[in-house]
Amino acid sequence: MGGIYEDFDIFSIINIFNRLFYEYAFALYLRV
């Protein structure tokens, strides 16, 4: 795994936002 801008295409963008969304949703779930 090189830099984050090594192959910066739409799939990597979706992957990053998916990871951020699931971490945020999991944090909200633990907070309840």
N, C-alpha and C. Protein backbone atom coordinates (compact mmCIF):
# COMPACT_ATOMS: atom_id res chain seq x y z
N MET A 1 0.84 -1.20 0.00
CA MET A 1 0.00 0.00 0.00
C MET A 1 0.88 1.25 0.00
N GLY A 2 0.84 1.96 -1.10
CA GLY A 2 1.64 3.18 -1.18
C GLY A 2 0.88 4.37 -0.62
N GLY A 3 1.06 5.52 -1.28
CA GLY A 3 0.37 6.72 -0.82
C GLY A 3 -1.12 6.64 -1.10
N ILE A 4 -1.86 7.55 -0.48
CA ILE A 4 -3.32 7.52 -0.64
C ILE A 4 -3.69 8.07 -2.02
N TYR A 5 -2.81 8.84 -2.65
CA TYR A 5 -3.11 9.41 -3.96
C TYR A 5 -2.44 8.61 -5.08
N GLU A 6 -2.01 7.37 -4.76
CA GLU A 6 -1.31 6.59 -5.78
C GLU A 6 -2.25 6.25 -6.92
N ASP A 7 -3.38 5.61 -6.60
CA ASP A 7 -4.39 5.35 -7.63
C ASP A 7 -5.70 5.91 -7.09
N PHE A 8 -5.89 7.20 -7.31
CA PHE A 8 -7.02 7.92 -6.71
C PHE A 8 -8.16 7.95 -7.72
N ASP A 9 -8.91 6.84 -7.75
CA ASP A 9 -10.03 6.76 -8.68
C ASP A 9 -11.34 6.71 -7.89
N ILE A 10 -12.45 6.53 -8.57
CA ILE A 10 -13.75 6.57 -7.92
C ILE A 10 -13.93 5.43 -6.93
N PHE A 11 -13.31 4.28 -7.21
CA PHE A 11 -13.48 3.15 -6.29
C PHE A 11 -12.77 3.40 -4.98
N SER A 12 -11.59 4.02 -5.02
CA SER A 12 -10.89 4.31 -3.78
C SER A 12 -11.64 5.38 -2.98
N ILE A 13 -12.25 6.32 -3.68
CA ILE A 13 -13.05 7.34 -2.99
C ILE A 13 -14.24 6.70 -2.29
N ILE A 14 -14.92 5.79 -2.99
CA ILE A 14 -16.06 5.10 -2.39
C ILE A 14 -15.60 4.27 -1.19
N ASN A 15 -14.46 3.62 -1.32
CA ASN A 15 -13.95 2.79 -0.24
C ASN A 15 -13.65 3.63 0.99
N ILE A 16 -13.04 4.82 0.80
CA ILE A 16 -12.71 5.70 1.92
C ILE A 16 -13.99 6.18 2.60
N PHE A 17 -14.97 6.62 1.81
CA PHE A 17 -16.21 7.13 2.41
C PHE A 17 -17.01 6.01 3.07
N ASN A 18 -16.97 4.80 2.50
CA ASN A 18 -17.64 3.67 3.13
C ASN A 18 -17.03 3.39 4.49
N ARG A 19 -15.70 3.41 4.57
CA ARG A 19 -15.02 3.13 5.83
C ARG A 19 -15.36 4.20 6.87
N LEU A 20 -15.34 5.47 6.45
CA LEU A 20 -15.67 6.55 7.38
C LEU A 20 -17.12 6.43 7.85
N PHE A 21 -18.03 6.11 6.94
CA PHE A 21 -19.44 6.02 7.30
C PHE A 21 -19.69 4.89 8.28
N TYR A 22 -19.07 3.72 8.03
CA TYR A 22 -19.31 2.59 8.91
C TYR A 22 -18.67 2.81 10.28
N GLU A 23 -17.52 3.46 10.34
CA GLU A 23 -16.92 3.76 11.64
C GLU A 23 -17.79 4.73 12.42
N TYR A 24 -18.36 5.74 11.72
CA TYR A 24 -19.23 6.72 12.38
C TYR A 24 -20.52 6.06 12.86
N ALA A 25 -21.10 5.19 12.02
CA ALA A 25 -22.34 4.52 12.40
C ALA A 25 -22.09 3.57 13.58
N PHE A 26 -20.94 2.91 13.59
CA PHE A 26 -20.63 2.00 14.69
C PHE A 26 -20.42 2.77 15.99
N ALA A 27 -19.82 3.95 15.89
CA ALA A 27 -19.62 4.79 17.08
C ALA A 27 -20.96 5.25 17.63
N LEU A 28 -21.88 5.62 16.74
CA LEU A 28 -23.22 6.02 17.19
C LEU A 28 -23.94 4.83 17.83
N TYR A 29 -23.74 3.64 17.27
CA TYR A 29 -24.39 2.44 17.81
C TYR A 29 -23.87 2.13 19.21
N LEU A 30 -22.57 2.31 19.42
CA LEU A 30 -22.01 2.05 20.75
C LEU A 30 -22.47 3.10 21.76
N ARG A 31 -22.77 4.30 21.27
CA ARG A 31 -23.15 5.39 22.17
C ARG A 31 -24.56 5.21 22.70
N VAL A 32 -25.40 4.46 21.98
CA VAL A 32 -26.79 4.31 22.41
C VAL A 32 -26.91 3.43 23.65
